[in-house]
Structure formats: C-alpha cells, structure tokens
Amino acid sequence: MTFQKFIAREPFDFPNGARGWRPGGPMDCLGPYAKVQNCPIMVDGVEVGRRTCYATGYADTFFSIPACTRWKGQYIGGYFTDEIEFRVYDRFKERLKCSSNQSA
C-alpha cells in the first residue's frame, strides 16, 4: 500500500538534506512536496527521525500542506511546513511516544 497521491517527476534538494519531488508541468501548484525523502519528523519541536512523507492534498494555508508517513507500520498524519519538515498532528503523537527518544 502506498500513500503517494501525486506524481513525482522532478527532484529538488532542500538545504536540510531532504529531497522533494514535484509533479512538474504548467499546472504544478503543489511544488516539491508531492514526495519528500529523508524528511525530518518533528514532534513538539524535536526531530524524532527521518522518513519519506507524501502530500495528501493541496495547501490548506499559505504555510502548510497536509501530508502523511508511516512509522513502525502505523499511519501518521501531519503537514509539511515552509521549513521543510513534517509536523505530526496531535492525535498521532501517541503513536510516536514510545520512540520519541530514539532516532529512526
């Protein structure tokens, strides 16, 4: 099962070491967030690891894009920020609690 909703054709390297993929083309309003590899996962301002994350929809505000990833087989919902990191929604933080002191 894959979470990838948007096609990822053109790579883009971010300064923090993450690699984003954009759909490309004249109608690309998603930018390099279709798929982000090596994306930092943030919980309450602390990086708990890095994973591949996927956009699940278009930007709902100027600063965030809804997204998801998997952590130890469980779905984790959150959003991408303009700082190129994945922030976890509060309701999914419990799934990371046992691993928050460990790196990925």
N, C-alpha and C. Protein backbone atom coordinates (compact mmCIF):
# COMPACT_ATOMS: atom_id res chain seq x y z
N MET A 1 0.84 -1.18 0.00
CA MET A 1 0.00 0.00 0.00
C MET A 1 0.89 1.24 0.00
N THR A 2 0.55 2.17 -0.84
CA THR A 2 1.33 3.40 -0.92
C THR A 2 0.46 4.60 -0.58
N PHE A 3 1.09 5.61 -0.05
CA PHE A 3 0.38 6.84 0.29
C PHE A 3 0.49 7.87 -0.81
N GLN A 4 1.27 7.58 -1.84
CA GLN A 4 1.55 8.59 -2.86
C GLN A 4 0.31 8.90 -3.67
N LYS A 5 -0.12 10.16 -3.60
CA LYS A 5 -1.32 10.63 -4.29
C LYS A 5 -0.96 11.42 -5.54
N PHE A 6 0.17 12.11 -5.52
CA PHE A 6 0.58 12.97 -6.62
C PHE A 6 1.80 12.37 -7.32
N ILE A 7 1.86 12.53 -8.63
CA ILE A 7 3.02 12.07 -9.38
C ILE A 7 4.25 12.87 -8.97
N ALA A 8 5.39 12.20 -8.93
CA ALA A 8 6.63 12.85 -8.50
C ALA A 8 7.67 12.67 -9.61
N ARG A 9 7.85 13.72 -10.44
CA ARG A 9 8.72 13.62 -11.60
C ARG A 9 10.05 14.34 -11.46
N GLU A 10 10.02 15.53 -10.88
CA GLU A 10 11.21 16.40 -10.88
C GLU A 10 11.78 16.53 -9.47
N PRO A 11 13.06 16.16 -9.27
CA PRO A 11 13.66 16.25 -7.93
C PRO A 11 14.06 17.68 -7.56
N PHE A 12 14.08 17.93 -6.27
CA PHE A 12 14.52 19.21 -5.74
C PHE A 12 15.18 18.95 -4.39
N ASP A 13 16.44 19.35 -4.22
CA ASP A 13 17.16 19.13 -2.96
C ASP A 13 17.02 20.34 -2.04
N PHE A 14 16.57 20.08 -0.80
CA PHE A 14 16.42 21.13 0.20
C PHE A 14 17.72 21.27 1.01
N PRO A 15 17.96 22.44 1.61
CA PRO A 15 19.18 22.65 2.39
C PRO A 15 19.34 21.72 3.60
N ASN A 16 18.24 21.19 4.13
CA ASN A 16 18.33 20.34 5.33
C ASN A 16 18.60 18.87 5.00
N GLY A 17 18.89 18.57 3.74
CA GLY A 17 19.20 17.20 3.34
C GLY A 17 18.02 16.42 2.81
N ALA A 18 16.82 16.97 2.88
CA ALA A 18 15.65 16.31 2.34
C ALA A 18 15.63 16.48 0.82
N ARG A 19 15.03 15.52 0.14
CA ARG A 19 14.87 15.62 -1.31
C ARG A 19 13.39 15.58 -1.63
N GLY A 20 12.90 16.67 -2.21
CA GLY A 20 11.50 16.77 -2.59
C GLY A 20 11.31 16.45 -4.05
N TRP A 21 10.11 15.99 -4.37
CA TRP A 21 9.75 15.68 -5.75
C TRP A 21 8.49 16.45 -6.09
N ARG A 22 8.49 17.10 -7.23
CA ARG A 22 7.34 17.88 -7.67
C ARG A 22 6.71 17.22 -8.90
N PRO A 23 5.42 17.45 -9.11
CA PRO A 23 4.77 16.91 -10.30
C PRO A 23 5.33 17.51 -11.60
N GLY A 24 5.66 18.80 -11.57
CA GLY A 24 6.17 19.46 -12.77
C GLY A 24 5.04 19.84 -13.72
N GLY A 25 5.40 20.53 -14.77
CA GLY A 25 4.42 20.95 -15.75
C GLY A 25 3.83 22.30 -15.43
N PRO A 26 3.02 22.82 -16.35
CA PRO A 26 2.47 24.17 -16.20
C PRO A 26 1.42 24.30 -15.10
N MET A 27 0.82 23.22 -14.68
CA MET A 27 -0.24 23.28 -13.67
C MET A 27 0.23 22.80 -12.30
N ASP A 28 1.54 22.83 -12.06
CA ASP A 28 2.10 22.37 -10.80
C ASP A 28 1.87 23.41 -9.71
N CYS A 29 0.85 23.21 -8.88
CA CYS A 29 0.61 24.15 -7.78
C CYS A 29 0.96 23.51 -6.44
N LEU A 30 1.60 22.36 -6.47
CA LEU A 30 2.00 21.68 -5.24
C LEU A 30 3.45 21.97 -4.87
N GLY A 31 4.28 22.19 -5.86
CA GLY A 31 5.70 22.41 -5.59
C GLY A 31 6.40 21.11 -5.26
N PRO A 32 7.57 21.17 -4.62
CA PRO A 32 8.36 19.96 -4.36
C PRO A 32 7.92 19.15 -3.15
N TYR A 33 6.61 19.06 -2.92
CA TYR A 33 6.09 18.36 -1.75
C TYR A 33 5.28 17.12 -2.09
N ALA A 34 5.23 16.70 -3.36
CA ALA A 34 4.47 15.51 -3.70
C ALA A 34 5.01 14.32 -2.91
N LYS A 35 6.33 14.23 -2.86
CA LYS A 35 7.02 13.19 -2.10
C LYS A 35 8.30 13.83 -1.56
N VAL A 36 8.55 13.68 -0.28
CA VAL A 36 9.77 14.22 0.32
C VAL A 36 10.51 13.08 1.02
N GLN A 37 11.68 12.75 0.49
CA GLN A 37 12.50 11.70 1.08
C GLN A 37 13.44 12.31 2.12
N ASN A 38 13.77 11.52 3.14
CA ASN A 38 14.67 11.97 4.20
C ASN A 38 14.13 13.22 4.90
N CYS A 39 12.82 13.27 5.05
CA CYS A 39 12.16 14.44 5.65
C CYS A 39 12.21 14.35 7.18
N PRO A 40 12.64 15.41 7.86
CA PRO A 40 12.65 15.39 9.33
C PRO A 40 11.23 15.31 9.89
N ILE A 41 11.01 14.41 10.84
CA ILE A 41 9.73 14.27 11.52
C ILE A 41 9.84 15.01 12.84
N MET A 42 8.98 16.01 13.02
CA MET A 42 9.05 16.86 14.22
C MET A 42 7.85 16.60 15.13
N VAL A 43 8.15 16.43 16.43
CA VAL A 43 7.11 16.30 17.45
C VAL A 43 7.46 17.30 18.55
N ASP A 44 6.62 18.29 18.72
CA ASP A 44 6.83 19.33 19.74
C ASP A 44 8.21 19.98 19.63
N GLY A 45 8.63 20.25 18.41
CA GLY A 45 9.89 20.94 18.17
C GLY A 45 11.14 20.08 18.22
N VAL A 46 10.97 18.77 18.38
CA VAL A 46 12.11 17.86 18.46
C VAL A 46 12.07 16.90 17.28
N GLU A 47 13.20 16.75 16.59
CA GLU A 47 13.26 15.80 15.47
C GLU A 47 13.36 14.40 16.04
N VAL A 48 12.41 13.53 15.67
CA VAL A 48 12.40 12.16 16.17
C VAL A 48 12.88 11.16 15.13
N GLY A 49 13.18 11.61 13.95
CA GLY A 49 13.67 10.72 12.90
C GLY A 49 13.43 11.33 11.53
N ARG A 50 13.77 10.57 10.52
CA ARG A 50 13.55 11.00 9.13
C ARG A 50 12.88 9.87 8.37
N ARG A 51 11.92 10.22 7.58
CA ARG A 51 11.16 9.26 6.78
C ARG A 51 10.81 9.88 5.44
N THR A 52 10.27 9.04 4.55
CA THR A 52 9.69 9.54 3.32
C THR A 52 8.24 9.90 3.61
N CYS A 53 7.84 11.11 3.27
CA CYS A 53 6.50 11.62 3.53
C CYS A 53 5.84 11.99 2.22
N TYR A 54 4.53 11.95 2.19
CA TYR A 54 3.77 12.21 0.98
C TYR A 54 2.69 13.26 1.22
N ALA A 55 2.51 14.16 0.27
CA ALA A 55 1.41 15.13 0.34
C ALA A 55 0.10 14.37 0.14
N THR A 56 -0.91 14.72 0.93
CA THR A 56 -2.22 14.09 0.79
C THR A 56 -3.26 15.03 0.21
N GLY A 57 -2.87 16.27 0.00
CA GLY A 57 -3.79 17.26 -0.57
C GLY A 57 -3.02 18.53 -0.88
N TYR A 58 -3.74 19.49 -1.44
CA TYR A 58 -3.11 20.78 -1.74
C TYR A 58 -3.06 21.64 -0.48
N ALA A 59 -2.23 22.66 -0.51
CA ALA A 59 -2.04 23.52 0.66
C ALA A 59 -3.37 24.06 1.17
N ASP A 60 -3.59 23.89 2.48
CA ASP A 60 -4.82 24.42 3.07
C ASP A 60 -4.58 25.78 3.72
N THR A 61 -3.33 26.17 3.87
CA THR A 61 -2.98 27.52 4.29
C THR A 61 -1.72 27.89 3.51
N PHE A 62 -1.24 29.09 3.68
CA PHE A 62 -0.04 29.51 2.97
C PHE A 62 1.19 28.73 3.43
N PHE A 63 1.19 28.28 4.67
CA PHE A 63 2.39 27.67 5.26
C PHE A 63 2.35 26.17 5.41
N SER A 64 1.26 25.50 5.13
CA SER A 64 1.23 24.06 5.39
C SER A 64 0.53 23.27 4.29
N ILE A 65 1.03 22.06 4.09
CA ILE A 65 0.48 21.12 3.10
C ILE A 65 0.18 19.83 3.86
N PRO A 66 -1.06 19.34 3.83
CA PRO A 66 -1.38 18.10 4.53
C PRO A 66 -0.54 16.95 3.98
N ALA A 67 -0.07 16.09 4.87
CA ALA A 67 0.82 15.01 4.46
C ALA A 67 0.69 13.82 5.40
N CYS A 68 1.37 12.73 5.04
CA CYS A 68 1.35 11.53 5.88
C CYS A 68 2.65 10.76 5.70
N THR A 69 2.88 9.83 6.60
CA THR A 69 4.01 8.91 6.52
C THR A 69 3.65 7.67 7.31
N ARG A 70 4.57 6.72 7.36
CA ARG A 70 4.41 5.53 8.20
C ARG A 70 5.52 5.51 9.23
N TRP A 71 5.18 5.07 10.42
CA TRP A 71 6.15 4.94 11.50
C TRP A 71 5.91 3.59 12.15
N LYS A 72 6.85 2.68 11.99
CA LYS A 72 6.73 1.32 12.52
C LYS A 72 5.41 0.67 12.11
N GLY A 73 5.05 0.84 10.84
CA GLY A 73 3.86 0.22 10.28
C GLY A 73 2.56 0.96 10.53
N GLN A 74 2.58 2.05 11.26
CA GLN A 74 1.36 2.78 11.56
C GLN A 74 1.29 4.08 10.77
N TYR A 75 0.09 4.44 10.36
CA TYR A 75 -0.16 5.70 9.65
C TYR A 75 0.04 6.87 10.60
N ILE A 76 0.77 7.88 10.11
CA ILE A 76 0.98 9.10 10.89
C ILE A 76 0.56 10.28 10.01
N GLY A 77 -0.38 11.06 10.46
CA GLY A 77 -0.84 12.23 9.72
C GLY A 77 -0.18 13.49 10.24
N GLY A 78 -0.01 14.45 9.36
CA GLY A 78 0.59 15.71 9.75
C GLY A 78 0.60 16.67 8.58
N TYR A 79 1.60 17.53 8.54
CA TYR A 79 1.68 18.51 7.47
C TYR A 79 3.12 18.95 7.25
N PHE A 80 3.41 19.37 6.03
CA PHE A 80 4.70 19.96 5.71
C PHE A 80 4.64 21.44 6.04
N THR A 81 5.76 21.98 6.54
CA THR A 81 5.84 23.41 6.79
C THR A 81 6.77 24.06 5.79
N ASP A 82 6.81 25.37 5.80
CA ASP A 82 7.73 26.08 4.91
C ASP A 82 9.18 25.87 5.33
N GLU A 83 9.42 25.29 6.49
CA GLU A 83 10.78 24.98 6.95
C GLU A 83 11.22 23.60 6.47
N ILE A 84 10.47 22.99 5.61
CA ILE A 84 10.73 21.67 5.04
C ILE A 84 10.88 20.62 6.14
N GLU A 85 9.84 20.46 6.90
CA GLU A 85 9.78 19.41 7.90
C GLU A 85 8.34 18.94 8.00
N PHE A 86 8.18 17.73 8.51
CA PHE A 86 6.87 17.12 8.69
C PHE A 86 6.50 17.24 10.16
N ARG A 87 5.44 17.94 10.44
CA ARG A 87 4.97 18.09 11.82
C ARG A 87 3.75 17.21 12.02
N VAL A 88 3.76 16.48 13.10
CA VAL A 88 2.73 15.48 13.39
C VAL A 88 1.52 16.14 14.03
N TYR A 89 0.32 15.76 13.56
CA TYR A 89 -0.91 16.22 14.21
C TYR A 89 -0.97 15.65 15.63
N ASP A 90 -1.59 16.38 16.55
CA ASP A 90 -1.67 15.97 17.95
C ASP A 90 -2.25 14.57 18.11
N ARG A 91 -3.25 14.22 17.34
CA ARG A 91 -3.90 12.92 17.53
C ARG A 91 -3.01 11.73 17.16
N PHE A 92 -1.89 11.98 16.46
CA PHE A 92 -0.98 10.90 16.08
C PHE A 92 0.28 10.87 16.94
N LYS A 93 0.46 11.83 17.82
CA LYS A 93 1.68 11.89 18.63
C LYS A 93 1.83 10.67 19.55
N GLU A 94 0.72 10.11 19.99
CA GLU A 94 0.77 8.94 20.87
C GLU A 94 1.46 7.76 20.18
N ARG A 95 1.30 7.65 18.88
CA ARG A 95 1.93 6.56 18.13
C ARG A 95 3.45 6.69 18.08
N LEU A 96 3.96 7.89 18.30
CA LEU A 96 5.40 8.13 18.30
C LEU A 96 5.99 8.18 19.69
N LYS A 97 5.15 8.20 20.71
CA LYS A 97 5.60 8.44 22.07
C LYS A 97 6.65 7.44 22.54
N CYS A 98 6.48 6.18 22.24
CA CYS A 98 7.44 5.19 22.71
C CYS A 98 8.76 5.32 21.97
N SER A 99 8.78 5.99 20.83
CA SER A 99 10.00 6.09 20.03
C SER A 99 10.59 7.50 20.03
N SER A 100 9.99 8.44 20.74
CA SER A 100 10.40 9.83 20.61
C SER A 100 11.83 10.09 21.09
N ASN A 101 12.38 9.24 21.93
CA ASN A 101 13.74 9.43 22.40
C ASN A 101 14.76 8.67 21.56
N GLN A 102 14.28 7.92 20.58
CA GLN A 102 15.16 7.15 19.73
C GLN A 102 15.22 7.77 18.35
N SER A 103 16.33 7.61 17.67
CA SER A 103 16.36 8.06 16.28
C SER A 103 15.86 6.94 15.39
N ALA A 104 15.50 7.34 14.15
CA ALA A 104 14.88 6.40 13.24
C ALA A 104 15.83 5.34 12.76
